[in-house]
Amino acid sequence: MLPQLKKQEETSWLADCYSQVLQATTLNLVTAYKNFFALRASFPRFKSRKGKQSVQYPQNVKLLANNVIKIPGGIGEVKAELQKQIEGQVKTVNISKTPTGKYFASILVESEVDRPTVSTVGNVLGIDLGVKDFAVTHNVLLIDWV
């Protein structure tokens, strides 16, 4: 439906936006309605332009030298203050604007990290935090049945 909406006169402003941003926003809206109808969340609310705003770029975002993020769709290169050195392939970037006018970027990367192996032998301690009792523990001995 998005290509048809871009061609209509009253919604022609959608053509100014990067297509994958529109697809990501539509996917977020569909997820919100699915959660509502599955009784996991309340009805999706209208988000005012005066509140917090955010946009998601699911592809083609590049990290350049000197802490610069290259964002597609006519935005171009944006200088950034990175908290950590980013290692791995950039998957998604969420850019948020607070009501005070500050911008923040959240970068999701995929990296090749060795995952720890799960042990199936030894002792396990289960802890259940509750209201009646602060913590209830249960010891379990795992035995490898190979």
Protein backbone atom coordinates (compact mmCIF):
# COMPACT_ATOMS: atom_id res chain seq x y z
CA MET A 1 0.00 0.00 0.00
CA LEU A 2 2.93 2.38 0.58
CA PRO A 3 3.77 2.90 -3.13
CA GLN A 4 0.11 3.72 -3.82
CA LEU A 5 -0.03 6.16 -0.92
CA LYS A 6 3.11 7.93 -2.18
CA LYS A 7 1.40 8.57 -5.53
CA GLN A 8 -1.80 10.05 -4.06
CA GLU A 9 -1.93 13.83 -3.85
CA GLU A 10 -2.97 14.10 -0.19
CA THR A 11 -0.21 11.73 0.97
CA SER A 12 2.50 12.65 -1.57
CA TRP A 13 4.68 13.87 1.34
CA LEU A 14 5.42 10.19 2.07
CA ALA A 15 7.64 10.16 -1.05
CA ASP A 16 10.07 12.48 0.76
CA CYS A 17 10.83 9.76 3.31
CA TYR A 18 13.19 6.81 2.91
CA SER A 19 11.04 3.77 2.01
CA GLN A 20 12.52 1.42 4.61
CA VAL A 21 11.74 3.92 7.37
CA LEU A 22 8.07 3.79 6.32
CA GLN A 23 8.16 -0.01 6.28
CA ALA A 24 9.69 -0.16 9.76
CA THR A 25 7.09 2.30 11.09
CA THR A 26 4.28 0.27 9.54
CA LEU A 27 5.68 -2.91 11.09
CA ASN A 28 5.78 -1.22 14.52
CA LEU A 29 2.14 -0.15 14.10
CA VAL A 30 1.07 -3.67 13.10
CA THR A 31 2.87 -5.07 16.16
CA ALA A 32 1.11 -2.55 18.40
CA TYR A 33 -2.32 -3.57 17.07
CA LYS A 34 -1.50 -7.29 17.36
CA ASN A 35 -0.51 -6.78 21.00
CA PHE A 36 -3.73 -4.85 21.62
CA PHE A 37 -5.98 -7.52 20.13
CA ALA A 38 -4.07 -10.26 21.98
CA LEU A 39 -4.79 -8.32 25.22
CA ARG A 40 -1.05 -7.80 25.92
CA ALA A 41 -1.18 -3.99 25.63
CA SER A 42 -3.55 -1.05 25.57
CA PHE A 43 -4.85 0.60 22.39
CA PRO A 44 -2.07 2.37 20.45
CA ARG A 45 -2.09 6.08 21.24
CA PHE A 46 -1.53 9.00 18.90
CA LYS A 47 1.96 10.42 19.31
CA SER A 48 2.15 14.20 19.21
CA ARG A 49 4.92 16.02 17.32
CA LYS A 50 5.61 17.95 20.51
CA GLY A 51 6.57 14.84 22.47
CA LYS A 52 9.42 12.41 21.97
CA GLN A 53 9.95 11.52 18.33
CA SER A 54 11.89 8.63 16.89
CA VAL A 55 12.69 7.07 13.56
CA GLN A 56 14.21 3.68 12.73
CA TYR A 57 16.67 3.09 9.90
CA PRO A 58 16.81 -0.68 9.36
CA GLN A 59 19.51 -0.76 6.66
CA ASN A 60 22.27 1.13 4.86
CA VAL A 61 23.52 3.08 7.88
CA LYS A 62 27.30 3.32 7.97
CA LEU A 63 29.76 4.31 10.68
CA LEU A 64 32.55 6.43 9.24
CA ALA A 65 35.82 7.60 10.72
CA ASN A 66 35.92 10.47 13.23
CA ASN A 67 32.62 9.44 14.90
CA VAL A 68 30.39 10.18 11.93
CA ILE A 69 27.18 8.26 11.16
CA LYS A 70 26.04 8.25 7.52
CA ILE A 71 22.24 8.03 7.38
CA PRO A 72 20.42 7.37 4.09
CA GLY A 73 17.32 9.15 2.79
CA GLY A 74 18.68 12.65 2.31
CA ILE A 75 19.94 13.17 5.86
CA GLY A 76 23.57 12.48 5.10
CA GLU A 77 26.46 12.50 7.54
CA VAL A 78 25.84 13.31 11.20
CA LYS A 79 28.58 13.91 13.75
CA ALA A 80 28.16 11.68 16.81
CA GLU A 81 29.57 11.37 20.28
CA LEU A 82 29.99 7.63 20.70
CA GLN A 83 30.13 6.16 24.20
CA LYS A 84 31.90 2.97 23.07
CA GLN A 85 33.88 1.74 20.12
CA ILE A 86 31.38 -0.05 17.88
CA GLU A 87 32.54 -3.40 16.54
CA GLY A 88 30.50 -5.50 14.15
CA GLN A 89 28.00 -4.97 11.37
CA VAL A 90 25.43 -2.20 11.92
CA LYS A 91 21.90 -3.63 11.67
CA THR A 92 19.52 -0.88 12.80
CA VAL A 93 19.79 2.68 14.03
CA ASN A 94 17.01 4.35 16.06
CA ILE A 95 17.24 8.13 16.19
CA SER A 96 15.23 9.84 18.93
CA LYS A 97 14.49 13.50 19.53
CA THR A 98 13.54 14.52 23.05
CA PRO A 99 11.00 17.32 23.72
CA THR A 100 13.97 19.54 24.64
CA GLY A 101 15.41 19.18 21.13
CA LYS A 102 18.31 16.80 21.83
CA TYR A 103 18.97 13.92 19.44
CA PHE A 104 20.14 10.45 20.46
CA ALA A 105 21.00 7.41 18.35
CA SER A 106 20.74 3.81 19.46
CA ILE A 107 22.81 1.51 17.27
CA LEU A 108 22.13 -2.23 17.02
CA VAL A 109 25.12 -4.22 15.77
CA GLU A 110 25.72 -7.87 15.02
CA SER A 111 29.10 -9.09 16.13
CA GLU A 112 30.95 -12.37 16.10
CA VAL A 113 31.32 -13.09 19.81
CA ASP A 114 32.01 -16.50 21.28
CA ARG A 115 28.99 -17.54 23.27
CA PRO A 116 29.62 -19.27 26.57
CA THR A 117 28.87 -22.97 26.68
CA VAL A 118 26.00 -24.13 28.84
CA SER A 119 26.94 -26.67 31.46
CA THR A 120 24.58 -29.58 32.01
CA VAL A 121 26.46 -31.02 34.99
CA GLY A 122 26.75 -29.54 38.49
CA ASN A 123 24.66 -27.67 41.01
CA VAL A 124 22.01 -25.09 40.19
CA LEU A 125 20.46 -22.64 42.62
CA GLY A 126 16.99 -21.37 41.76
CA ILE A 127 15.90 -18.12 43.43
CA ASP A 128 12.28 -16.97 43.46
CA LEU A 129 11.65 -13.38 44.59
CA GLY A 130 8.18 -12.87 45.94
CA VAL A 131 5.84 -10.65 47.91
CA LYS A 132 5.08 -12.96 50.83
CA ASP A 133 8.69 -14.18 51.20
CA PHE A 134 11.60 -12.05 50.06
CA ALA A 135 13.47 -14.93 48.43
CA VAL A 136 12.90 -18.66 48.23
CA THR A 137 15.80 -20.85 47.08
CA HIS A 138 15.87 -24.36 45.69
CA ASN A 139 19.00 -26.44 45.07
CA VAL A 140 19.05 -28.78 42.08
CA LEU A 141 21.74 -31.27 41.14
CA LEU A 142 22.10 -31.67 37.37
CA ILE A 143 23.35 -35.04 36.10
CA ASP A 144 24.55 -35.60 32.58
CA TRP A 145 22.51 -38.52 31.14
CA VAL A 146 24.63 -39.11 28.05
